[in-house]
Amino acid sequence: MTSAATSSTNVPHRPRQSPVRVWYRAIRVFSFTASITPILVGSALAFVDGDVDRPGAVALIIAMLVASMAVHAGCNLGNDYYDYRRGIDAHIGAHDDPEHIGPAGVIQDRSLTPAQVVRGMIVAFAVGTVIGLGIVWATGWPIFLLALTCLALAFLYTGGPKPLGYIALGEITVFVTMGLAMIMGSYYVLSGEVTWRSLGVALPLSLLVTAILHGNNLADVDSDRRAGKITVANSVSRSIGNLEYIMLVYGAWVALIGLVVTNFDLWPTLLAFGALPSGLRAVRLYVSETAQPVLRRGVRLSAGVHLRFGLLMVVGLIIAATLD
């Protein structure tokens, strides 16, 4: 395995940037759509069901959004730091795209020191925790258990002696934490209950957020394998890896149809079929291409599918609420 010290010397030194731009890259602000959209979907469903019985519902929604983005930022910083320590993504560092979704490479290109990234991670997790405690105070202890579990999984994804993302458990971790838990959790915060209906609403976006990670792992098959990182993508053949991606993406629309069949009053959520062309483009890219730079563009395509699908679901749920 390439050492962190050695790998950082293989990346060209980046021209000096403003601190704001450096941290913008480091926390990968553009990726926050994956943590914002689920909160909006879960909250919209609570309004559809007419179960919003918490005082200050709007303030709670804003608090959930800020907390989820803070934890997401902490995850991104932790992922970059621990990958750096293990010599993974040593080649990253030459991109200037502010909408880049993958590893930021701020350590490798010397924009930030490892210690600065660690401090940033701690601050981000602390902010998320403090806001989360406020939400717990307003809603009760069950959400505390959920938040604590998700925070632990967020850290263990790349931290600890056996990081979940390094032993082929990344997809299931993301499916649960950034899919089911965020949507059903936000629904619970506003309604005080968890329902099968909220699970049905959560499934499509849970599949799509998992597709973002799996698509990233498909792009990094060779580099992850060289670094000793085990993922689903580099544990199976390329054709099976592509099949998983296809199932995750198309499965979202299958799950949506199942949701509407069992909850016909949510038929306006079928607006999310407007995101299907984007899904088709993403699938075609992964099936037809193998070059890493091209597949990295596919990661952004996957994130775009998740965003469009989620926002269209929110619009559909708002329409359903007005028709109720």
C-alpha atoms as a PDB file:
ATOM      1  CA  MET A   1       0.000   0.000   0.000  1.00  0.00           C
ATOM      2  CA  THR A   2       1.239   3.469  -0.840  1.00  0.00           C
ATOM      3  CA  SER A   3       1.961   5.507   2.262  1.00  0.00           C
ATOM      4  CA  ALA A   4       0.134   8.767   2.851  1.00  0.00           C
ATOM      5  CA  ALA A   5       3.355  10.729   2.908  1.00  0.00           C
ATOM      6  CA  THR A   6       4.497   9.268  -0.383  1.00  0.00           C
ATOM      7  CA  SER A   7       1.146   9.595  -2.114  1.00  0.00           C
ATOM      8  CA  SER A   8       0.848  13.292  -1.341  1.00  0.00           C
ATOM      9  CA  THR A   9       4.061  14.024  -3.217  1.00  0.00           C
ATOM     10  CA  ASN A  10       2.657  12.540  -6.418  1.00  0.00           C
ATOM     11  CA  VAL A  11       0.028  15.263  -6.765  1.00  0.00           C
ATOM     12  CA  PRO A  12       0.949  18.660  -8.234  1.00  0.00           C
ATOM     13  CA  HIS A  13       0.868  21.535  -5.764  1.00  0.00           C
ATOM     14  CA  ARG A  14      -2.282  23.595  -6.419  1.00  0.00           C
ATOM     15  CA  PRO A  15      -2.045  27.380  -6.839  1.00  0.00           C
ATOM     16  CA  ARG A  16      -3.150  29.137  -3.668  1.00  0.00           C
ATOM     17  CA  GLN A  17      -6.911  29.493  -3.290  1.00  0.00           C
ATOM     18  CA  SER A  18      -9.021  31.463  -0.834  1.00  0.00           C
ATOM     19  CA  PRO A  19      -9.887  29.629   2.410  1.00  0.00           C
ATOM     20  CA  VAL A  20     -13.583  29.765   1.499  1.00  0.00           C
ATOM     21  CA  ARG A  21     -12.990  28.009  -1.820  1.00  0.00           C
ATOM     22  CA  VAL A  22     -10.713  25.430  -0.228  1.00  0.00           C
ATOM     23  CA  TRP A  23     -13.254  24.493   2.437  1.00  0.00           C
ATOM     24  CA  TYR A  24     -16.044  24.578  -0.137  1.00  0.00           C
ATOM     25  CA  ARG A  25     -14.127  21.901  -2.042  1.00  0.00           C
ATOM     26  CA  ALA A  26     -13.193  20.031   1.118  1.00  0.00           C
ATOM     27  CA  ILE A  27     -16.720  19.543   2.416  1.00  0.00           C
ATOM     28  CA  ARG A  28     -18.069  18.968  -1.134  1.00  0.00           C
ATOM     29  CA  VAL A  29     -21.050  21.300  -0.837  1.00  0.00           C
ATOM     30  CA  PHE A  30     -22.487  20.113  -4.145  1.00  0.00           C
ATOM     31  CA  SER A  31     -22.961  16.625  -2.674  1.00  0.00           C
ATOM     32  CA  PHE A  32     -25.285  17.999   0.026  1.00  0.00           C
ATOM     33  CA  THR A  33     -28.278  17.461  -2.243  1.00  0.00           C
ATOM     34  CA  ALA A  34     -28.086  13.836  -1.099  1.00  0.00           C
ATOM     35  CA  SER A  35     -28.703  14.913   2.505  1.00  0.00           C
ATOM     36  CA  ILE A  36     -31.191  17.716   1.816  1.00  0.00           C
ATOM     37  CA  THR A  37     -33.605  15.903  -0.487  1.00  0.00           C
ATOM     38  CA  PRO A  38     -34.537  13.072   1.932  1.00  0.00           C
ATOM     39  CA  ILE A  39     -35.423  15.565   4.679  1.00  0.00           C
ATOM     40  CA  LEU A  40     -37.699  17.447   2.285  1.00  0.00           C
ATOM     41  CA  VAL A  41     -39.401  14.229   1.161  1.00  0.00           C
ATOM     42  CA  GLY A  42     -40.028  12.964   4.689  1.00  0.00           C
ATOM     43  CA  SER A  43     -41.294  16.358   5.796  1.00  0.00           C
ATOM     44  CA  ALA A  44     -43.609  16.683   2.792  1.00  0.00           C
ATOM     45  CA  LEU A  45     -45.142  13.285   3.533  1.00  0.00           C
ATOM     46  CA  ALA A  46     -45.872  14.378   7.103  1.00  0.00           C
ATOM     47  CA  PHE A  47     -47.833  17.334   5.751  1.00  0.00           C
ATOM     48  CA  VAL A  48     -49.686  15.079   3.299  1.00  0.00           C
ATOM     49  CA  ASP A  49     -50.789  12.836   6.150  1.00  0.00           C
ATOM     50  CA  GLY A  50     -51.847  15.822   8.219  1.00  0.00           C
ATOM     51  CA  ASP A  51     -49.807  14.498  11.115  1.00  0.00           C
ATOM     52  CA  VAL A  52     -47.672  17.566  11.754  1.00  0.00           C
ATOM     53  CA  ASP A  53     -48.438  18.049  15.421  1.00  0.00           C
ATOM     54  CA  ARG A  54     -45.120  19.494  16.587  1.00  0.00           C
ATOM     55  CA  PRO A  55     -44.933  23.184  17.470  1.00  0.00           C
ATOM     56  CA  GLY A  56     -42.429  25.057  15.339  1.00  0.00           C
ATOM     57  CA  ALA A  57     -42.554  22.538  12.477  1.00  0.00           C
ATOM     58  CA  VAL A  58     -40.763  24.865  10.056  1.00  0.00           C
ATOM     59  CA  ALA A  59     -37.973  25.480  12.570  1.00  0.00           C
ATOM     60  CA  LEU A  60     -37.611  21.709  13.038  1.00  0.00           C
ATOM     61  CA  ILE A  61     -37.325  21.198   9.282  1.00  0.00           C
ATOM     62  CA  ILE A  62     -34.626  23.852   9.034  1.00  0.00           C
ATOM     63  CA  ALA A  63     -32.793  22.317  12.006  1.00  0.00           C
ATOM     64  CA  MET A  64     -32.913  18.864  10.381  1.00  0.00           C
ATOM     65  CA  LEU A  65     -31.561  20.264   7.124  1.00  0.00           C
ATOM     66  CA  VAL A  66     -28.652  22.036   8.815  1.00  0.00           C
ATOM     67  CA  ALA A  67     -27.833  19.036  11.026  1.00  0.00           C
ATOM     68  CA  SER A  68     -27.895  16.621   8.097  1.00  0.00           C
ATOM     69  CA  MET A  69     -25.616  18.867   6.024  1.00  0.00           C
ATOM     70  CA  ALA A  70     -23.203  19.241   8.940  1.00  0.00           C
ATOM     71  CA  VAL A  71     -22.973  15.484   9.430  1.00  0.00           C
ATOM     72  CA  HIS A  72     -22.604  15.017   5.673  1.00  0.00           C
ATOM     73  CA  ALA A  73     -19.721  17.503   5.686  1.00  0.00           C
ATOM     74  CA  GLY A  74     -18.122  15.577   8.549  1.00  0.00           C
ATOM     75  CA  CYS A  75     -18.482  12.335   6.603  1.00  0.00           C
ATOM     76  CA  ASN A  76     -16.877  13.876   3.523  1.00  0.00           C
ATOM     77  CA  LEU A  77     -13.930  15.239   5.525  1.00  0.00           C
ATOM     78  CA  GLY A  78     -13.525  11.961   7.398  1.00  0.00           C
ATOM     79  CA  ASN A  79     -13.650  10.010   4.161  1.00  0.00           C
ATOM     80  CA  ASP A  80     -10.887  12.150   2.635  1.00  0.00           C
ATOM     81  CA  TYR A  81      -8.729  11.984   5.774  1.00  0.00           C
ATOM     82  CA  TYR A  82      -8.926   8.245   6.326  1.00  0.00           C
ATOM     83  CA  ASP A  83      -8.544   7.486   2.615  1.00  0.00           C
ATOM     84  CA  TYR A  84      -5.437   9.669   2.667  1.00  0.00           C
ATOM     85  CA  ARG A  85      -4.071   7.820   5.694  1.00  0.00           C
ATOM     86  CA  ARG A  86      -4.572   4.500   3.933  1.00  0.00           C
ATOM     87  CA  GLY A  87      -3.113   5.670   0.624  1.00  0.00           C
ATOM     88  CA  ILE A  88      -6.448   5.531  -1.178  1.00  0.00           C
ATOM     89  CA  ASP A  89      -7.346   8.194  -3.769  1.00  0.00           C
ATOM     90  CA  ALA A  90      -3.690   9.245  -3.832  1.00  0.00           C
ATOM     91  CA  HIS A  91      -4.135  10.339  -7.442  1.00  0.00           C
ATOM     92  CA  ILE A  92      -6.862  12.831  -6.565  1.00  0.00           C
ATOM     93  CA  GLY A  93      -6.069  16.496  -6.398  1.00  0.00           C
ATOM     94  CA  ALA A  94      -5.977  18.023  -9.864  1.00  0.00           C
ATOM     95  CA  HIS A  95      -9.653  18.933 -10.318  1.00  0.00           C
ATOM     96  CA  ASP A  96     -11.004  22.475  -9.921  1.00  0.00           C
ATOM     97  CA  ASP A  97     -14.679  21.702 -10.412  1.00  0.00           C
ATOM     98  CA  PRO A  98     -16.666  23.207  -7.521  1.00  0.00           C
ATOM     99  CA  GLU A  99     -19.438  20.719  -8.268  1.00  0.00           C
ATOM    100  CA  HIS A 100     -17.130  17.725  -7.959  1.00  0.00           C
ATOM    101  CA  ILE A 101     -18.805  14.939  -5.972  1.00  0.00           C
ATOM    102  CA  GLY A 102     -15.941  12.526  -5.379  1.00  0.00           C
ATOM    103  CA  PRO A 103     -12.899  12.897  -3.095  1.00  0.00           C
ATOM    104  CA  ALA A 104     -11.810  16.511  -2.711  1.00  0.00           C
ATOM    105  CA  GLY A 105      -8.048  15.841  -2.612  1.00  0.00           C
ATOM    106  CA  VAL A 106      -7.389  18.865  -0.401  1.00  0.00           C
ATOM    107  CA  ILE A 107      -4.755  16.983   1.590  1.00  0.00           C
ATOM    108  CA  GLN A 108      -3.017  15.502  -1.420  1.00  0.00           C
ATOM    109  CA  ASP A 109      -2.678  18.883  -3.155  1.00  0.00           C
ATOM    110  CA  ARG A 110      -1.633  20.525   0.152  1.00  0.00           C
ATOM    111  CA  SER A 111      -4.585  22.930   0.252  1.00  0.00           C
ATOM    112  CA  LEU A 112      -5.205  21.718   3.809  1.00  0.00           C
ATOM    113  CA  THR A 113      -3.119  19.723   6.253  1.00  0.00           C
ATOM    114  CA  PRO A 114      -4.405  16.433   7.660  1.00  0.00           C
ATOM    115  CA  ALA A 115      -4.790  18.105  11.071  1.00  0.00           C
ATOM    116  CA  GLN A 116      -6.959  20.855   9.572  1.00  0.00           C
ATOM    117  CA  VAL A 117      -9.198  18.277   7.909  1.00  0.00           C
ATOM    118  CA  VAL A 118      -9.560  16.386  11.183  1.00  0.00           C
ATOM    119  CA  ARG A 119     -10.453  19.589  13.027  1.00  0.00           C
ATOM    120  CA  GLY A 120     -12.996  20.389  10.335  1.00  0.00           C
ATOM    121  CA  MET A 121     -14.500  16.927  10.674  1.00  0.00           C
ATOM    122  CA  ILE A 122     -14.799  17.319  14.465  1.00  0.00           C
ATOM    123  CA  VAL A 123     -16.426  20.744  14.128  1.00  0.00           C
ATOM    124  CA  ALA A 124     -18.894  19.468  11.521  1.00  0.00           C
ATOM    125  CA  PHE A 125     -19.909  16.464  13.623  1.00  0.00           C
ATOM    126  CA  ALA A 126     -20.148  18.705  16.714  1.00  0.00           C
ATOM    127  CA  VAL A 127     -22.469  21.130  14.931  1.00  0.00           C
ATOM    128  CA  GLY A 128     -24.657  18.260  13.751  1.00  0.00           C
ATOM    129  CA  THR A 129     -24.702  16.788  17.256  1.00  0.00           C
ATOM    130  CA  VAL A 130     -25.631  20.045  18.996  1.00  0.00           C
ATOM    131  CA  ILE A 131     -28.464  20.752  16.581  1.00  0.00           C
ATOM    132  CA  GLY A 132     -29.523  17.132  16.835  1.00  0.00           C
ATOM    133  CA  LEU A 133     -29.782  17.437  20.609  1.00  0.00           C
ATOM    134  CA  GLY A 134     -32.097  20.398  20.118  1.00  0.00           C
ATOM    135  CA  ILE A 135     -34.298  18.274  17.860  1.00  0.00           C
ATOM    136  CA  VAL A 136     -34.250  15.494  20.475  1.00  0.00           C
ATOM    137  CA  TRP A 137     -35.314  17.984  23.153  1.00  0.00           C
ATOM    138  CA  ALA A 138     -38.285  18.988  21.005  1.00  0.00           C
ATOM    139  CA  THR A 139     -39.342  15.491  19.923  1.00  0.00           C
ATOM    140  CA  GLY A 140     -38.243  12.879  22.473  1.00  0.00           C
ATOM    141  CA  TRP A 141     -35.660  10.149  23.057  1.00  0.00           C
ATOM    142  CA  PRO A 142     -36.512   7.788  20.135  1.00  0.00           C
ATOM    143  CA  ILE A 143     -35.015  10.244  17.653  1.00  0.00           C
ATOM    144  CA  PHE A 144     -31.932  10.425  19.886  1.00  0.00           C
ATOM    145  CA  LEU A 145     -31.324   6.714  19.412  1.00  0.00           C
ATOM    146  CA  LEU A 146     -31.743   7.051  15.654  1.00  0.00           C
ATOM    147  CA  ALA A 147     -29.455  10.083  15.456  1.00  0.00           C
ATOM    148  CA  LEU A 148     -26.805   8.443  17.647  1.00  0.00           C
ATOM    149  CA  THR A 149     -26.826   5.297  15.504  1.00  0.00           C
ATOM    150  CA  CYS A 150     -26.561   7.277  12.265  1.00  0.00           C
ATOM    151  CA  LEU A 151     -23.759   9.442  13.664  1.00  0.00           C
ATOM    152  CA  ALA A 152     -21.822   6.350  14.724  1.00  0.00           C
ATOM    153  CA  LEU A 153     -22.303   4.744  11.296  1.00  0.00           C
ATOM    154  CA  ALA A 154     -21.231   7.979   9.614  1.00  0.00           C
ATOM    155  CA  PHE A 155     -17.935   7.904  11.499  1.00  0.00           C
ATOM    156  CA  LEU A 156     -17.429   4.143  11.149  1.00  0.00           C
ATOM    157  CA  TYR A 157     -17.956   4.378   7.394  1.00  0.00           C
ATOM    158  CA  THR A 158     -14.290   5.348   6.981  1.00  0.00           C
ATOM    159  CA  GLY A 159     -13.056   5.560  10.589  1.00  0.00           C
ATOM    160  CA  GLY A 160     -12.188   2.919  13.153  1.00  0.00           C
ATOM    161  CA  PRO A 161     -10.164  -0.278  12.812  1.00  0.00           C
ATOM    162  CA  LYS A 162     -12.572  -1.877  10.318  1.00  0.00           C
ATOM    163  CA  PRO A 163     -14.234   0.911   8.301  1.00  0.00           C
ATOM    164  CA  LEU A 164     -17.559  -0.204   6.884  1.00  0.00           C
ATOM    165  CA  GLY A 165     -16.769   1.332   3.512  1.00  0.00           C
ATOM    166  CA  TYR A 166     -13.623  -0.816   3.271  1.00  0.00           C
ATOM    167  CA  ILE A 167     -15.293  -4.175   3.898  1.00  0.00           C
ATOM    168  CA  ALA A 168     -18.042  -4.010   1.260  1.00  0.00           C
ATOM    169  CA  LEU A 169     -20.646  -2.617   3.692  1.00  0.00           C
ATOM    170  CA  GLY A 170     -20.713   0.894   2.255  1.00  0.00           C
ATOM    171  CA  GLU A 171     -23.834   0.427   0.154  1.00  0.00           C
ATOM    172  CA  ILE A 172     -25.986  -0.984   2.950  1.00  0.00           C
ATOM    173  CA  THR A 173     -24.734   1.735   5.316  1.00  0.00           C
ATOM    174  CA  VAL A 174     -25.703   4.502   2.890  1.00  0.00           C
ATOM    175  CA  PHE A 175     -29.027   2.815   2.071  1.00  0.00           C
ATOM    176  CA  VAL A 176     -29.978   2.835   5.750  1.00  0.00           C
ATOM    177  CA  THR A 177     -28.498   6.132   6.959  1.00  0.00           C
ATOM    178  CA  MET A 178     -28.930   8.456   3.969  1.00  0.00           C
ATOM    179  CA  GLY A 179     -32.111   6.822   2.772  1.00  0.00           C
ATOM    180  CA  LEU A 180     -34.450   5.079   5.169  1.00  0.00           C
ATOM    181  CA  ALA A 181     -33.292   6.778   8.377  1.00  0.00           C
ATOM    182  CA  MET A 182     -33.334  10.323   7.011  1.00  0.00           C
ATOM    183  CA  ILE A 183     -36.744  10.115   5.374  1.00  0.00           C
ATOM    184  CA  MET A 184     -38.491   8.090   8.054  1.00  0.00           C
ATOM    185  CA  GLY A 185     -36.667  10.036  10.769  1.00  0.00           C
ATOM    186  CA  SER A 186     -37.772  13.427   9.447  1.00  0.00           C
ATOM    187  CA  TYR A 187     -41.304  12.067   9.134  1.00  0.00           C
ATOM    188  CA  TYR A 188     -41.151  10.960  12.774  1.00  0.00           C
ATOM    189  CA  VAL A 189     -39.822  14.321  13.965  1.00  0.00           C
ATOM    190  CA  LEU A 190     -42.883  16.068  12.538  1.00  0.00           C
ATOM    191  CA  SER A 191     -45.539  13.408  13.082  1.00  0.00           C
ATOM    192  CA  GLY A 192     -44.368  11.485  16.139  1.00  0.00           C
ATOM    193  CA  GLU A 193     -44.806   8.128  14.433  1.00  0.00           C
ATOM    194  CA  VAL A 194     -43.246   5.715  11.965  1.00  0.00           C
ATOM    195  CA  THR A 195     -45.510   4.098   9.371  1.00  0.00           C
ATOM    196  CA  TRP A 196     -45.295   1.553   6.580  1.00  0.00           C
ATOM    197  CA  ARG A 197     -46.295   4.379   4.275  1.00  0.00           C
ATOM    198  CA  SER A 198     -43.191   6.362   5.249  1.00  0.00           C
ATOM    199  CA  LEU A 199     -41.112   3.263   4.503  1.00  0.00           C
ATOM    200  CA  GLY A 200     -42.693   3.036   1.059  1.00  0.00           C
ATOM    201  CA  VAL A 201     -41.878   6.676   0.350  1.00  0.00           C
ATOM    202  CA  ALA A 202     -38.303   6.169   1.582  1.00  0.00           C
ATOM    203  CA  LEU A 203     -37.444   3.163  -0.584  1.00  0.00           C
ATOM    204  CA  PRO A 204     -37.011   4.862  -4.006  1.00  0.00           C
ATOM    205  CA  LEU A 205     -34.591   7.537  -2.794  1.00  0.00           C
ATOM    206  CA  SER A 206     -32.756   4.993  -0.619  1.00  0.00           C
ATOM    207  CA  LEU A 207     -32.033   2.985  -3.758  1.00  0.00           C
ATOM    208  CA  LEU A 208     -30.899   6.049  -5.694  1.00  0.00           C
ATOM    209  CA  VAL A 209     -28.549   7.377  -3.003  1.00  0.00           C
ATOM    210  CA  THR A 210     -27.015   3.905  -2.848  1.00  0.00           C
ATOM    211  CA  ALA A 211     -26.566   4.048  -6.623  1.00  0.00           C
ATOM    212  CA  ILE A 212     -24.428   7.194  -6.189  1.00  0.00           C
ATOM    213  CA  LEU A 213     -21.981   5.332  -3.943  1.00  0.00           C
ATOM    214  CA  HIS A 214     -21.991   2.177  -6.051  1.00  0.00           C
ATOM    215  CA  GLY A 215     -21.356   4.234  -9.174  1.00  0.00           C
ATOM    216  CA  ASN A 216     -18.394   5.880  -7.456  1.00  0.00           C
ATOM    217  CA  ASN A 217     -17.048   2.468  -6.466  1.00  0.00           C
ATOM    218  CA  LEU A 218     -17.419   1.230 -10.049  1.00  0.00           C
ATOM    219  CA  ALA A 219     -15.253   4.151 -11.147  1.00  0.00           C
ATOM    220  CA  ASP A 220     -12.640   3.334  -8.486  1.00  0.00           C
ATOM    221  CA  VAL A 221     -12.500  -0.445  -8.907  1.00  0.00           C
ATOM    222  CA  ASP A 222      -8.819  -0.596  -9.822  1.00  0.00           C
ATOM    223  CA  SER A 223      -7.514   2.046  -7.430  1.00  0.00           C
ATOM    224  CA  ASP A 224      -9.530   0.651  -4.512  1.00  0.00           C
ATOM    225  CA  ARG A 225      -8.311  -2.868  -5.226  1.00  0.00           C
ATOM    226  CA  ARG A 226      -4.677  -1.709  -5.314  1.00  0.00           C
ATOM    227  CA  ALA A 227      -5.140   0.025  -1.960  1.00  0.00           C
ATOM    228  CA  GLY A 228      -6.751  -3.027  -0.370  1.00  0.00           C
ATOM    229  CA  LYS A 229     -10.182  -1.445  -0.082  1.00  0.00           C
ATOM    230  CA  ILE A 230     -12.920  -4.046  -0.498  1.00  0.00           C
ATOM    231  CA  THR A 231     -16.148  -2.879  -2.108  1.00  0.00           C
ATOM    232  CA  VAL A 232     -19.017  -4.701  -3.738  1.00  0.00           C
ATOM    233  CA  ALA A 233     -17.871  -3.305  -7.076  1.00  0.00           C
ATOM    234  CA  ASN A 234     -14.371  -4.808  -6.906  1.00  0.00           C
ATOM    235  CA  SER A 235     -15.575  -8.061  -5.329  1.00  0.00           C
ATOM    236  CA  VAL A 236     -17.676  -9.110  -8.314  1.00  0.00           C
ATOM    237  CA  SER A 237     -17.297  -9.088 -12.076  1.00  0.00           C
ATOM    238  CA  ARG A 238     -17.866  -5.858 -13.964  1.00  0.00           C
ATOM    239  CA  SER A 239     -21.066  -7.203 -15.514  1.00  0.00           C
ATOM    240  CA  ILE A 240     -22.509  -8.047 -12.089  1.00  0.00           C
ATOM    241  CA  GLY A 241     -21.419  -4.661 -10.755  1.00  0.00           C
ATOM    242  CA  ASN A 242     -23.205  -2.980 -13.648  1.00  0.00           C
ATOM    243  CA  LEU A 243     -26.272  -5.137 -13.002  1.00  0.00           C
ATOM    244  CA  GLU A 244     -26.384  -3.947  -9.398  1.00  0.00           C
ATOM    245  CA  TYR A 245     -26.236  -0.343 -10.579  1.00  0.00           C
ATOM    246  CA  ILE A 246     -29.069  -0.983 -13.043  1.00  0.00           C
ATOM    247  CA  MET A 247     -31.191  -2.604 -10.331  1.00  0.00           C
ATOM    248  CA  LEU A 248     -30.592   0.270  -7.917  1.00  0.00           C
ATOM    249  CA  VAL A 249     -31.542   2.931 -10.468  1.00  0.00           C
ATOM    250  CA  TYR A 250     -34.515   1.228 -12.131  1.00  0.00           C
ATOM    251  CA  GLY A 251     -35.594  -0.219  -8.806  1.00  0.00           C
ATOM    252  CA  ALA A 252     -36.441   3.310  -7.667  1.00  0.00           C
ATOM    253  CA  TRP A 253     -39.222   3.580 -10.255  1.00  0.00           C
ATOM    254  CA  VAL A 254     -40.424   0.055  -9.521  1.00  0.00           C
ATOM    255  CA  ALA A 255     -40.644   0.995  -5.836  1.00  0.00           C
ATOM    256  CA  LEU A 256     -42.481   4.198  -6.776  1.00  0.00           C
ATOM    257  CA  ILE A 257     -45.082   2.246  -8.705  1.00  0.00           C
ATOM    258  CA  GLY A 258     -45.491  -0.068  -5.719  1.00  0.00           C
ATOM    259  CA  LEU A 259     -45.962   2.953  -3.467  1.00  0.00           C
ATOM    260  CA  VAL A 260     -48.726   4.397  -5.625  1.00  0.00           C
ATOM    261  CA  VAL A 261     -50.468   1.033  -6.043  1.00  0.00           C
ATOM    262  CA  THR A 262     -50.661   0.625  -2.254  1.00  0.00           C
ATOM    263  CA  ASN A 263     -51.271   4.332  -1.522  1.00  0.00           C
ATOM    264  CA  PHE A 264     -53.242   5.673  -4.455  1.00  0.00           C
ATOM    265  CA  ASP A 265     -53.703   9.094  -2.883  1.00  0.00           C
ATOM    266  CA  LEU A 266     -49.980   9.590  -3.518  1.00  0.00           C
ATOM    267  CA  TRP A 267     -50.437   9.256  -7.290  1.00  0.00           C
ATOM    268  CA  PRO A 268     -48.988  12.771  -7.897  1.00  0.00           C
ATOM    269  CA  THR A 269     -45.579  11.388  -6.881  1.00  0.00           C
ATOM    270  CA  LEU A 270     -45.560   9.717 -10.300  1.00  0.00           C
ATOM    271  CA  LEU A 271     -44.174  13.073 -11.404  1.00  0.00           C
ATOM    272  CA  ALA A 272     -40.839  11.498 -10.460  1.00  0.00           C
ATOM    273  CA  PHE A 273     -40.996   9.630 -13.768  1.00  0.00           C
ATOM    274  CA  GLY A 274     -39.824  12.949 -15.182  1.00  0.00           C
ATOM    275  CA  ALA A 275     -36.376  11.970 -13.892  1.00  0.00           C
ATOM    276  CA  LEU A 276     -36.376   8.696 -15.817  1.00  0.00           C
ATOM    277  CA  PRO A 277     -34.507  10.073 -18.876  1.00  0.00           C
ATOM    278  CA  SER A 278     -31.645  11.068 -16.551  1.00  0.00           C
ATOM    279  CA  GLY A 279     -31.677   7.574 -15.099  1.00  0.00           C
ATOM    280  CA  LEU A 280     -31.484   6.069 -18.564  1.00  0.00           C
ATOM    281  CA  ARG A 281     -28.476   8.245 -19.428  1.00  0.00           C
ATOM    282  CA  ALA A 282     -26.676   7.237 -16.238  1.00  0.00           C
ATOM    283  CA  VAL A 283     -27.280   3.543 -16.848  1.00  0.00           C
ATOM    284  CA  ARG A 284     -26.112   3.778 -20.464  1.00  0.00           C
ATOM    285  CA  LEU A 285     -22.895   5.448 -19.347  1.00  0.00           C
ATOM    286  CA  TYR A 286     -21.994   2.757 -16.805  1.00  0.00           C
ATOM    287  CA  VAL A 287     -22.913  -0.084 -19.155  1.00  0.00           C
ATOM    288  CA  SER A 288     -20.989   1.283 -22.131  1.00  0.00           C
ATOM    289  CA  GLU A 289     -17.911   2.900 -20.537  1.00  0.00           C
ATOM    290  CA  THR A 290     -14.987   1.610 -18.498  1.00  0.00           C
ATOM    291  CA  ALA A 291     -12.556   4.562 -18.368  1.00  0.00           C
ATOM    292  CA  GLN A 292     -12.322   6.035 -14.875  1.00  0.00           C
ATOM    293  CA  PRO A 293     -12.598   9.738 -15.907  1.00  0.00           C
ATOM    294  CA  VAL A 294     -15.802   8.983 -17.800  1.00  0.00           C
ATOM    295  CA  LEU A 295     -17.226   6.910 -14.960  1.00  0.00           C
ATOM    296  CA  ARG A 296     -16.484   9.755 -12.547  1.00  0.00           C
ATOM    297  CA  ARG A 297     -18.816  11.901 -14.632  1.00  0.00           C
ATOM    298  CA  GLY A 298     -21.329   9.148 -14.078  1.00  0.00           C
ATOM    299  CA  VAL A 299     -21.174   9.809 -10.345  1.00  0.00           C
ATOM    300  CA  ARG A 300     -22.491  13.303 -10.963  1.00  0.00           C
ATOM    301  CA  LEU A 301     -25.151  11.894 -13.279  1.00  0.00           C
ATOM    302  CA  SER A 302     -26.220   9.525 -10.495  1.00  0.00           C
ATOM    303  CA  ALA A 303     -26.440  12.406  -8.029  1.00  0.00           C
ATOM    304  CA  GLY A 304     -28.507  14.356 -10.543  1.00  0.00           C
ATOM    305  CA  VAL A 305     -30.952  11.467 -10.885  1.00  0.00           C
ATOM    306  CA  HIS A 306     -31.339  11.341  -7.101  1.00  0.00           C
ATOM    307  CA  LEU A 307     -31.904  15.101  -6.907  1.00  0.00           C
ATOM    308  CA  ARG A 308     -34.432  15.284  -9.746  1.00  0.00           C
ATOM    309  CA  PHE A 309     -36.344  12.244  -8.534  1.00  0.00           C
ATOM    310  CA  GLY A 310     -36.468  13.578  -4.987  1.00  0.00           C
ATOM    311  CA  LEU A 311     -37.541  17.102  -5.875  1.00  0.00           C
ATOM    312  CA  LEU A 312     -40.254  15.789  -8.183  1.00  0.00           C
ATOM    313  CA  MET A 313     -41.444  13.563  -5.355  1.00  0.00           C
ATOM    314  CA  VAL A 314     -41.609  16.608  -3.085  1.00  0.00           C
ATOM    315  CA  VAL A 315     -43.683  18.471  -5.680  1.00  0.00           C
ATOM    316  CA  GLY A 316     -45.937  15.427  -6.043  1.00  0.00           C
ATOM    317  CA  LEU A 317     -46.399  15.182  -2.286  1.00  0.00           C
ATOM    318  CA  ILE A 318     -47.258  18.896  -2.059  1.00  0.00           C
ATOM    319  CA  ILE A 319     -49.863  18.395  -4.771  1.00  0.00           C
ATOM    320  CA  ALA A 320     -51.229  15.373  -2.911  1.00  0.00           C
ATOM    321  CA  ALA A 321     -51.477  17.468   0.259  1.00  0.00           C
ATOM    322  CA  THR A 322     -53.478  20.190  -1.525  1.00  0.00           C
ATOM    323  CA  LEU A 323     -55.829  17.617  -3.057  1.00  0.00           C
ATOM    324  CA  ASP A 324     -56.474  15.851   0.244  1.00  0.00           C
END
